[in-house]
Protein backbone atom coordinates (compact mmCIF):
# COMPACT_ATOMS: atom_id res chain seq x y z
CA UNK A 1 -12.40 -12.82 43.61
CA UNK A 2 -8.77 -12.71 42.54
CA UNK A 3 -9.63 -14.02 39.08
CA UNK A 4 -12.31 -11.35 38.65
CA UNK A 5 -9.83 -8.69 39.73
CA UNK A 6 -7.34 -9.92 37.15
CA UNK A 7 -9.94 -9.87 34.41
CA UNK A 8 -10.96 -6.27 35.01
CA UNK A 9 -7.48 -5.03 35.84
CA UNK A 10 -6.55 -3.73 32.35
CA UNK A 11 -9.69 -1.64 32.16
CA UNK A 12 -9.11 -0.05 35.55
CA UNK A 13 -5.48 0.87 35.07
CA UNK A 14 -4.68 4.58 34.88
CA UNK A 15 -4.47 5.86 31.28
CA UNK A 16 -0.78 6.81 31.63
CA UNK A 17 0.07 3.34 32.98
CA UNK A 18 -1.80 1.65 30.12
CA UNK A 19 0.10 3.78 27.59
CA UNK A 20 3.47 2.59 28.86
CA UNK A 21 2.35 -1.02 28.98
CA UNK A 22 1.10 -0.66 25.42
CA UNK A 23 4.46 0.85 24.42
CA UNK A 24 6.28 -2.27 25.65
CA UNK A 25 4.28 -4.53 23.35
CA UNK A 26 4.45 -2.10 20.41
CA UNK A 27 8.23 -2.03 20.82
CA UNK A 28 8.37 -5.82 20.96
CA UNK A 29 6.47 -6.10 17.69
CA UNK A 30 8.67 -3.50 16.00
CA UNK A 31 11.79 -5.27 17.23
CA UNK A 32 10.57 -8.49 15.64
CA UNK A 33 10.12 -6.78 12.27
CA UNK A 34 13.51 -5.06 12.55
CA UNK A 35 15.32 -8.28 13.45
CA UNK A 36 14.04 -10.10 10.40
CA UNK A 37 15.84 -7.77 8.02
CA UNK A 38 19.13 -9.42 9.06
CA UNK A 39 18.51 -12.43 11.33
CA UNK A 40 18.41 -14.83 8.38
CA UNK A 41 21.62 -13.46 6.80
CA UNK A 42 24.03 -15.49 8.93
CA UNK A 43 21.84 -18.61 8.54
CA UNK A 44 21.78 -18.44 4.73
CA UNK A 45 24.59 -20.97 4.04
CA UNK A 46 22.85 -23.61 6.18
CA UNK A 47 19.41 -22.96 4.64
CA UNK A 48 20.93 -23.09 1.18
CA UNK A 49 22.55 -26.45 1.89
CA UNK A 50 19.46 -28.02 3.46
CA UNK A 51 17.05 -26.90 0.72
CA UNK A 52 19.38 -27.37 -2.25
CA UNK A 53 19.43 -23.78 -3.47
CA UNK A 54 22.12 -22.41 -5.78
CA UNK A 55 24.42 -19.48 -4.98
CA UNK A 56 22.44 -17.31 -7.37
CA UNK A 57 19.13 -18.24 -5.74
CA UNK A 58 20.06 -17.74 -2.09
CA UNK A 59 19.97 -13.94 -2.20
CA UNK A 60 16.21 -14.20 -2.79
CA UNK A 61 15.73 -15.18 0.86
CA UNK A 62 16.69 -11.59 1.72
CA UNK A 63 15.29 -9.96 -1.42
CA UNK A 64 11.82 -11.52 -1.09
CA UNK A 65 11.46 -9.93 2.35
CA UNK A 66 12.79 -6.50 1.38
CA UNK A 67 10.74 -6.33 -1.83
CA UNK A 68 7.45 -7.05 -0.09
CA UNK A 69 8.30 -4.89 2.91
CA UNK A 70 9.49 -1.86 0.96
CA UNK A 71 6.89 -2.11 -1.79
CA UNK A 72 3.84 -2.38 0.45
CA UNK A 73 4.67 0.09 3.24
CA UNK A 74 2.48 2.95 2.07
CA UNK A 75 -0.37 0.52 1.44
CA UNK A 76 0.09 -0.89 4.95
CA UNK A 77 -0.05 2.58 6.46
CA UNK A 78 -3.19 3.44 4.57
CA UNK A 79 -4.85 0.17 5.66
CA UNK A 80 -4.03 1.00 9.30
CA UNK A 81 -5.73 4.38 8.90
CA UNK A 82 -8.73 2.79 7.23
CA UNK A 83 -9.53 -0.20 9.45
CA UNK A 84 -8.05 0.92 12.76
CA UNK A 85 -4.58 0.62 14.24
CA UNK A 86 -5.28 -1.96 16.93
CA UNK A 87 -6.93 -4.27 14.42
CA UNK A 88 -4.07 -3.77 11.94
CA UNK A 89 -1.53 -4.43 14.69
CA UNK A 90 -3.11 -7.75 15.60
CA UNK A 91 -3.58 -8.82 11.97
CA UNK A 92 0.05 -7.95 11.22
CA UNK A 93 1.29 -9.98 14.18
CA UNK A 94 -0.85 -12.99 13.35
CA UNK A 95 0.21 -12.98 9.70
CA UNK A 96 3.88 -12.52 10.58
CA UNK A 97 3.77 -15.43 13.03
CA UNK A 98 2.08 -17.77 10.54
CA UNK A 99 4.53 -16.81 7.78
CA UNK A 100 7.48 -17.36 10.15
CA UNK A 101 6.23 -20.81 11.15
CA UNK A 102 5.75 -21.70 7.47
CA UNK A 103 9.28 -20.56 6.64
CA UNK A 104 10.81 -22.42 9.56
CA UNK A 105 9.17 -25.67 8.53
CA UNK A 106 9.83 -25.18 4.79
CA UNK A 107 10.69 -28.39 2.96
CA UNK A 108 11.65 -26.63 -0.26
CA UNK A 109 13.36 -23.41 -1.24
CA UNK A 110 10.21 -22.15 -3.00
CA UNK A 111 8.20 -22.44 0.23
CA UNK A 112 10.89 -20.55 2.13
CA UNK A 113 10.80 -17.72 -0.42
CA UNK A 114 7.01 -17.54 -0.28
CA UNK A 115 7.15 -17.39 3.52
CA UNK A 116 9.75 -14.62 3.46
CA UNK A 117 7.63 -12.60 1.03
CA UNK A 118 4.62 -13.06 3.32
CA UNK A 119 6.72 -11.92 6.29
CA UNK A 120 7.63 -8.77 4.37
CA UNK A 121 4.01 -8.09 3.46
CA UNK A 122 2.80 -8.37 7.05
CA UNK A 123 5.82 -6.35 8.27
CA UNK A 124 4.69 -3.61 5.87
CA UNK A 125 1.40 -3.53 7.77
CA UNK A 126 2.98 -3.90 11.20
CA UNK A 127 5.78 -1.31 11.03
CA UNK A 128 3.72 1.80 10.14
CA UNK A 129 0.96 0.66 12.47
CA UNK A 130 3.39 0.46 15.41
CA UNK A 131 4.87 3.89 14.66
CA UNK A 132 1.48 5.54 14.16
CA UNK A 133 0.29 4.05 17.46
CA UNK A 134 3.16 5.88 19.17
CA UNK A 135 2.38 9.08 17.28
CA UNK A 136 -1.25 9.22 18.39
CA UNK A 137 -0.72 7.78 21.89
CA UNK A 138 2.15 9.99 23.09
CA UNK A 139 1.55 13.69 22.49
CA UNK A 140 3.15 15.34 25.56
CA UNK A 141 6.77 16.31 24.64
CA UNK A 142 8.60 14.53 27.48
CA UNK A 143 6.60 11.29 27.14
CA UNK A 144 6.85 11.47 23.36
CA UNK A 145 10.63 11.85 23.61
CA UNK A 146 10.93 8.70 25.71
CA UNK A 147 8.61 6.70 23.45
CA UNK A 148 10.38 7.72 20.25
CA UNK A 149 13.79 7.18 21.84
CA UNK A 150 12.81 3.55 22.33
CA UNK A 151 11.56 3.29 18.76
CA UNK A 152 14.71 4.96 17.44
CA UNK A 153 16.90 2.58 19.44
CA UNK A 154 15.12 -0.37 17.84
CA UNK A 155 15.50 1.11 14.36
CA UNK A 156 19.17 1.88 14.92
CA UNK A 157 20.18 -1.41 16.52
CA UNK A 158 17.59 -3.93 15.35
CA UNK A 159 19.65 -5.03 12.36
CA UNK A 160 22.78 -5.53 14.50
CA UNK A 161 20.77 -7.43 17.10
CA UNK A 162 19.39 -9.59 14.29
CA UNK A 163 22.92 -10.57 13.31
CA UNK A 164 23.70 -11.46 16.94
CA UNK A 165 20.53 -13.49 17.44
CA UNK A 166 20.94 -15.17 14.06
CA UNK A 167 24.44 -16.28 14.96
CA UNK A 168 23.35 -17.62 18.35
CA UNK A 169 20.37 -19.55 17.00
CA UNK A 170 22.17 -20.93 13.96
CA UNK A 171 25.15 -22.19 15.93
CA UNK A 172 23.32 -23.46 19.02
CA UNK A 173 20.16 -24.87 17.36
CA UNK A 174 19.73 -24.61 13.58
CA UNK A 175 18.83 -22.07 10.91
CA UNK A 176 15.08 -22.79 11.13
CA UNK A 177 14.94 -21.19 14.59
CA UNK A 178 15.83 -17.85 13.01
CA UNK A 179 12.23 -18.01 11.74
CA UNK A 180 10.55 -19.98 14.52
CA UNK A 181 11.71 -17.44 17.12
CA UNK A 182 9.18 -14.94 15.76
CA UNK A 183 6.21 -17.07 16.77
CA UNK A 184 6.48 -16.70 20.58
CA UNK A 185 7.46 -13.02 20.18
CA UNK A 186 4.37 -12.37 18.06
CA UNK A 187 2.10 -14.24 20.47
CA UNK A 188 3.32 -12.23 23.47
CA UNK A 189 3.02 -8.94 21.56
CA UNK A 190 -0.48 -9.85 20.36
CA UNK A 191 -1.71 -10.72 23.86
CA UNK A 192 -0.32 -7.47 25.20
CA UNK A 193 -1.71 -5.47 22.29
CA UNK A 194 -5.16 -7.01 22.74
CA UNK A 195 -5.22 -6.12 26.44
CA UNK A 196 -3.61 -2.71 26.53
CA UNK A 197 -4.06 -1.00 23.16
CA UNK A 198 -7.13 1.17 22.70
CA UNK A 199 -8.76 1.45 19.32
CA UNK A 200 -9.04 4.99 18.04
CA UNK A 201 -11.88 5.96 15.75
CA UNK A 202 -11.50 4.25 12.40
CA UNK A 203 -10.69 6.47 9.43
CA UNK A 204 -13.19 8.28 7.33
CA UNK A 205 -13.82 5.38 4.97
CA UNK A 206 -12.86 7.35 1.88
CA UNK A 207 -12.39 5.51 -1.39
CA UNK A 208 -9.12 3.60 -1.56
CA UNK A 209 -6.78 5.08 -4.18
CA UNK A 210 -6.24 1.95 -6.26
CA UNK A 211 -4.20 3.64 -9.06
CA UNK A 212 -2.00 5.23 -6.39
CA UNK A 213 -1.52 1.83 -4.72
CA UNK A 214 -0.46 0.21 -7.98
CA UNK A 215 1.89 3.03 -8.96
CA UNK A 216 3.70 3.39 -5.63
CA UNK A 217 3.91 -0.36 -5.01
CA UNK A 218 5.30 -0.95 -8.48
CA UNK A 219 7.68 1.98 -8.15
CA UNK A 220 9.07 0.92 -4.78
CA UNK A 221 9.32 -2.78 -5.72
CA UNK A 222 11.22 -2.02 -8.94
CA UNK A 223 13.48 0.44 -7.11
CA UNK A 224 14.38 -2.07 -4.38
CA UNK A 225 14.79 -4.89 -6.90
CA UNK A 226 17.00 -2.77 -9.15
CA UNK A 227 19.21 -2.00 -6.17
CA UNK A 228 19.53 -5.67 -5.22
CA UNK A 229 20.71 -6.49 -8.75
CA UNK A 230 23.51 -3.93 -8.59
CA UNK A 231 25.55 -6.29 -6.39
CA UNK A 232 25.76 -8.99 -9.07
CA UNK A 233 25.20 -7.09 -12.32
CA UNK A 234 26.65 -3.61 -11.73
CA UNK A 235 25.13 -0.17 -12.23
CA UNK A 236 25.69 -0.25 -15.99
CA UNK A 237 23.76 -3.45 -16.69
CA UNK A 238 20.59 -3.32 -18.77
CA UNK A 239 18.66 -5.01 -15.95
CA UNK A 240 19.58 -2.42 -13.32
CA UNK A 241 19.11 0.56 -15.63
CA UNK A 242 15.80 -0.81 -16.85
CA UNK A 243 14.34 -1.40 -13.39
CA UNK A 244 15.55 1.94 -12.05
CA UNK A 245 14.08 3.72 -15.09
CA UNK A 246 10.75 1.93 -14.64
CA UNK A 247 10.80 2.87 -10.96
CA UNK A 248 11.43 6.52 -11.77
CA UNK A 249 8.54 6.61 -14.25
CA UNK A 250 6.14 4.91 -11.84
CA UNK A 251 7.07 7.13 -8.88
CA UNK A 252 6.76 10.32 -10.94
CA UNK A 253 3.37 9.11 -12.14
CA UNK A 254 2.46 8.43 -8.51
CA UNK A 255 3.31 12.01 -7.51
CA UNK A 256 1.21 13.35 -10.39
CA UNK A 257 -1.66 11.06 -9.42
CA UNK A 258 -1.52 12.09 -5.75
CA UNK A 259 -1.55 15.78 -6.67
CA UNK A 260 -4.84 15.31 -8.52
CA UNK A 261 -6.58 12.47 -6.68
CA UNK A 262 -9.62 13.45 -4.59
CA UNK A 263 -8.63 10.92 -1.91
CA UNK A 264 -4.87 10.39 -2.29
CA UNK A 265 -3.00 7.45 -0.82
CA UNK A 266 -0.24 9.87 0.29
CA UNK A 267 -1.34 13.50 0.61
CA UNK A 268 1.66 15.42 -0.74
CA UNK A 269 1.54 18.02 2.02
CA UNK A 270 2.80 15.32 4.40
CA UNK A 271 6.07 15.03 2.46
CA UNK A 272 6.42 18.64 1.31
CA UNK A 273 6.53 20.05 4.84
CA UNK A 274 10.20 20.99 5.25
CA UNK A 275 10.51 19.45 8.70
CA UNK A 276 8.86 16.14 7.86
CA UNK A 277 10.63 16.01 4.49
CA UNK A 278 13.94 16.78 6.19
CA UNK A 279 13.31 14.03 8.72
CA UNK A 280 12.58 11.50 5.96
CA UNK A 281 15.78 12.48 4.14
CA UNK A 282 17.87 12.33 7.31
CA UNK A 283 16.55 8.85 8.16
CA UNK A 284 17.20 7.59 4.62
CA UNK A 285 20.79 8.87 4.56
CA UNK A 286 21.59 7.58 8.07
CA UNK A 287 20.28 4.09 7.32
CA UNK A 288 21.99 4.06 3.89
CA UNK A 289 25.34 4.51 5.60
CA UNK A 290 24.47 2.19 8.49
CA UNK A 291 23.45 -0.78 6.35
CA UNK A 292 26.62 -0.37 4.33
CA UNK A 293 28.58 -0.66 7.57
CA UNK A 294 26.63 -3.79 8.57
CA UNK A 295 27.46 -5.41 5.25
CA UNK A 296 31.18 -4.63 5.38
CA UNK A 297 31.61 -5.48 9.05
CA UNK A 298 29.84 -8.82 8.59
CA UNK A 299 32.22 -9.80 5.80
CA UNK A 300 35.26 -8.32 7.52
CA UNK A 301 34.63 -10.27 10.69
CA UNK A 302 33.82 -13.60 9.02
CA UNK A 303 35.93 -13.55 5.85
CA UNK A 304 39.00 -11.55 6.89
CA UNK A 305 39.19 -12.11 10.67
CA UNK A 306 37.71 -15.65 10.36
CA UNK A 307 35.08 -15.24 13.10
CA UNK A 308 32.42 -17.93 13.52
CA UNK A 309 28.76 -16.89 13.06
CA UNK A 310 28.33 -16.69 16.83
CA UNK A 311 31.51 -14.66 17.28
CA UNK A 312 30.47 -12.30 14.49
CA UNK A 313 27.06 -11.83 16.07
CA UNK A 314 28.59 -11.11 19.49
CA UNK A 315 30.98 -8.66 17.88
CA UNK A 316 27.98 -6.47 16.99
CA UNK A 317 26.73 -6.35 20.59
CA UNK A 318 28.59 -3.10 21.48
CA UNK A 319 26.84 -1.35 18.61
CA UNK A 320 23.47 -2.40 19.99
CA UNK A 321 24.37 -1.25 23.50
CA UNK A 322 25.73 2.06 22.19
CA UNK A 323 22.50 2.62 20.28
CA UNK A 324 20.48 2.07 23.44
CA UNK A 325 22.73 4.49 25.32
CA UNK A 326 22.38 7.09 22.57
CA UNK A 327 18.62 6.80 22.53
CA UNK A 328 17.97 6.76 26.28
CA UNK A 329 20.95 8.71 27.58
CA UNK A 330 21.06 11.46 24.96
CA UNK A 331 18.11 11.62 22.54
CA UNK A 332 15.29 11.10 25.06
CA UNK A 333 16.84 13.65 27.44
CA UNK A 334 17.46 16.34 24.81
CA UNK A 335 14.39 15.95 22.57
CA UNK A 336 11.99 17.81 24.92
CA UNK A 337 14.58 20.52 25.60
CA UNK A 338 16.32 21.54 22.36
CA UNK A 339 15.44 21.85 18.65
CA UNK A 340 15.67 18.53 16.79
CA UNK A 341 18.44 19.59 14.43
CA UNK A 342 20.70 20.31 17.43
CA UNK A 343 20.53 16.57 18.18
CA UNK A 344 20.36 15.15 14.68
CA UNK A 345 23.15 17.04 12.89
CA UNK A 346 25.81 16.38 15.57
CA UNK A 347 24.57 12.77 15.77
CA UNK A 348 25.18 12.29 12.05
CA UNK A 349 28.67 13.77 12.43
CA UNK A 350 29.47 11.43 15.35
CA UNK A 351 28.39 8.48 13.19
CA UNK A 352 30.54 9.85 10.34
CA UNK A 353 33.51 9.86 12.72
CA UNK A 354 32.83 6.17 13.38
CA UNK A 355 32.88 5.50 9.64
CA UNK A 356 36.19 7.32 9.32
CA UNK A 357 37.65 5.03 11.99
CA UNK A 358 36.60 2.08 9.81
CA UNK A 359 38.55 3.48 6.87
CA UNK A 360 41.70 2.56 8.82
CA UNK A 361 40.86 -1.10 9.59
CA UNK A 362 43.88 -3.43 9.34
CA UNK A 363 44.00 -6.89 7.81
CA UNK A 364 44.64 -8.57 11.17
CA UNK A 365 43.60 -7.85 14.74
CA UNK A 366 41.45 -4.83 14.05
CA UNK A 367 38.46 -5.48 16.30
CA UNK A 368 39.53 -3.80 19.56
CA UNK A 369 41.50 -1.01 17.91
CA UNK A 370 39.06 -0.05 15.15
CA UNK A 371 35.78 -1.97 14.98
CA UNK A 372 34.82 -1.53 18.64
CA UNK A 373 35.32 2.27 18.82
CA UNK A 374 33.63 2.64 15.43
CA UNK A 375 30.59 0.66 16.62
CA UNK A 376 30.27 2.86 19.71
CA UNK A 377 30.37 6.05 17.65
CA UNK A 378 27.96 4.63 15.06
CA UNK A 379 25.48 3.38 17.65
CA UNK A 380 25.34 6.67 19.55
CA UNK A 381 25.31 8.83 16.43
CA UNK A 382 22.63 6.94 14.48
CA UNK A 383 20.39 6.79 17.56
CA UNK A 384 20.57 10.57 17.86
CA UNK A 385 19.40 10.85 14.24
CA UNK A 386 16.68 8.22 14.18
CA UNK A 387 14.70 8.99 17.35
CA UNK A 388 14.07 12.68 16.45
CA UNK A 389 13.49 11.75 12.80
CA UNK A 390 10.68 9.35 13.70
CA UNK A 391 9.23 11.97 16.04
CA UNK A 392 9.24 14.82 13.51
CA UNK A 393 8.20 12.58 10.63
CA UNK A 394 4.87 11.83 12.34
CA UNK A 395 4.26 15.13 14.12
CA UNK A 396 1.65 17.65 13.07
CA UNK A 397 -0.38 15.10 11.09
CA UNK A 398 -4.11 14.51 11.42
CA UNK A 399 -4.52 11.33 13.53
CA UNK A 400 -6.61 9.86 10.71
CA UNK A 401 -3.49 10.01 8.49
CA UNK A 402 -0.89 9.03 11.09
CA UNK A 403 -0.55 5.60 9.50
CA UNK A 404 0.48 6.88 6.09
CA UNK A 405 2.88 9.41 7.67
CA UNK A 406 4.46 6.58 9.67
CA UNK A 407 4.62 4.47 6.52
CA UNK A 408 6.45 7.27 4.73
CA UNK A 409 9.17 7.32 7.41
CA UNK A 410 9.53 3.55 7.13
CA UNK A 411 9.58 3.75 3.33
CA UNK A 412 12.40 6.32 3.52
CA UNK A 413 14.34 3.94 5.77
CA UNK A 414 13.77 0.99 3.43
CA UNK A 415 14.77 2.95 0.32
CA UNK A 416 17.84 4.26 2.12
CA UNK A 417 18.87 0.74 3.13
CA UNK A 418 18.45 -0.57 -0.42
CA UNK A 419 20.22 2.30 -2.16
CA UNK A 420 22.98 2.52 0.43
CA UNK A 421 23.74 -1.19 0.30
CA UNK A 422 23.81 -1.18 -3.51
CA UNK A 423 25.92 1.97 -3.83
CA UNK A 424 28.44 1.18 -1.11
CA UNK A 425 28.79 -2.48 -2.10
CA UNK A 426 29.52 -1.42 -5.67
CA UNK A 427 32.19 1.03 -4.47
CA UNK A 428 33.77 -1.65 -2.28
CA UNK A 429 33.76 -4.25 -5.08
CA UNK A 430 35.26 -1.77 -7.55
CA UNK A 431 38.03 -0.75 -5.16
CA UNK A 432 38.81 -4.41 -4.40
CA UNK A 433 39.01 -5.30 -8.10
CA UNK A 434 41.25 -2.31 -8.81
CA UNK A 435 43.58 -3.34 -5.97
CA UNK A 436 43.92 -6.88 -7.35
CA UNK A 437 44.35 -5.79 -10.96
CA UNK A 438 47.61 -6.99 -12.47
CA UNK A 439 48.88 -8.69 -9.30
CA UNK A 440 49.42 -12.42 -8.69
CA UNK A 441 46.60 -13.77 -6.57
CA UNK A 442 47.18 -15.08 -3.05
CA UNK A 443 45.08 -15.47 0.09
CA UNK A 444 46.96 -12.66 1.82
CA UNK A 445 46.57 -10.33 -1.13
CA UNK A 446 42.86 -11.08 -1.41
CA UNK A 447 42.38 -10.15 2.25
CA UNK A 448 44.31 -6.92 1.69
CA UNK A 449 42.16 -6.12 -1.34
CA UNK A 450 38.94 -6.81 0.55
CA UNK A 451 40.01 -4.53 3.41
CA UNK A 452 40.99 -1.84 0.91
CA UNK A 453 37.52 -2.08 -0.64
CA UNK A 454 35.79 -1.88 2.73
CA UNK A 455 37.93 1.12 3.74
CA UNK A 456 37.12 2.96 0.52
CA UNK A 457 33.38 2.33 0.86
CA UNK A 458 33.24 3.41 4.51
CA UNK A 459 34.87 6.68 3.50
CA UNK A 460 31.93 7.24 1.15
CA UNK A 461 29.55 6.22 3.93
CA UNK A 462 31.09 8.94 6.10
CA UNK A 463 30.42 11.44 3.30
CA UNK A 464 26.77 10.32 3.17
CA UNK A 465 26.43 10.99 6.90
CA UNK A 466 28.02 14.43 6.55
CA UNK A 467 25.52 15.17 3.78
CA UNK A 468 22.79 14.05 6.17
CA UNK A 469 24.07 16.43 8.85
CA UNK A 470 24.14 19.38 6.42
CA UNK A 471 20.67 18.66 4.99
CA UNK A 472 19.25 18.28 8.50
CA UNK A 473 20.65 21.61 9.60
CA UNK A 474 19.34 23.38 6.49
CA UNK A 475 15.88 21.80 6.24
CA UNK A 476 14.68 21.11 9.78
CA UNK A 477 13.82 24.37 11.55
CA UNK A 478 11.29 23.18 14.11
CA UNK A 479 11.96 24.83 17.46
CA UNK A 480 12.21 23.49 20.97
CA UNK A 481 9.07 21.61 22.04
CA UNK A 482 6.80 23.54 24.46
CA UNK A 483 7.44 23.01 28.15
CA UNK A 484 5.11 20.86 30.18
CA UNK A 485 2.04 22.63 31.55
């Protein structure tokens, strides 16, 4: 009798209870995808040594993931709308787990790269599916605020948590567990998704916009790749200029195609709405600044302050906790009560204040005095931007197109991360080189130059966040959500 009761239990749960159980497994899957943007970063030196990769080749472990993820997001969202979100969710989890296991057991660098690219491809299906599931499941303002606060917390702190987990796994086990860890996470999320997610009606079955797929995938891939090459080649190199020019041509052609296509991959009205468009821009600018901070803090902690991988990972923990506090203690409370821009614009300014603190980092002993308070401000501020941005970016959309709207938010985040990392890293490198110019080299001077470069770049990151606050206040005019019945 007890076994029968357990078997029928999911079907007899109250709808509201099933929604929250489903949210837990959706969040788990999204966390897995967010972690993998950074979890491998700390493990790279060990993977490079074991698999015999060169210094020039190792960056492809990160680039292969970001290229596939960023380039295929809109396609992943459209697939979710076409075949059903529950089915897409389970396929994405299964593919991600298999790719992770393949990467963890890789005997050659080529296999690892192929596995990372496959992870990115399945993440491009999983991420918009997870967000669209929230968008169509939670429609009441108070519940929606709580659900999107959780999602925003993951988006704002997932990368930092990836650095922490990567440091722990690399130092206590080995680098391969940075990939293997996804397998049990995916299995748990898949079991929960199978039991508690309900399948909405599958999309209308309209013809798939193949030219649109090719144009936007090519445009996003060349954009992300061009940005990754800035770090080594510089903005003025023929490679970077060429890829960015190709990206611009392909994306303009995509817009023209979507304006005329009878069944567009991305209906332009989704983006041209001032509130959704403002949310996409705010998310892109916030993540552009945030990923720049991740990059500089990682190097500052390990290169300048000489932290071990585990110590560096633990040093990011306050940022993760602050992001959770910002999402649950501020964003989820205010979202049902006040207009979104009243949360987002001040949040961006709080994060900008955190960046300004980082402009003053010293060469020695700067964690407690500068890094810690900056992480708290960044975590709270970015959370107050991201949770409302995800909410607005998927609101007011036909449920049959929720997947592509969710994919557009994720694409904005990915483009922001790529452009922000490229721009801010270039500024930091230029400032460092200028500081060292004409001076005799020494270890102490190099550390001073690095810190000067980081300080200069974080000042620009603060300006990006201020721009995000201004654009949010000007573009987003949606009012306070209606009160509960």
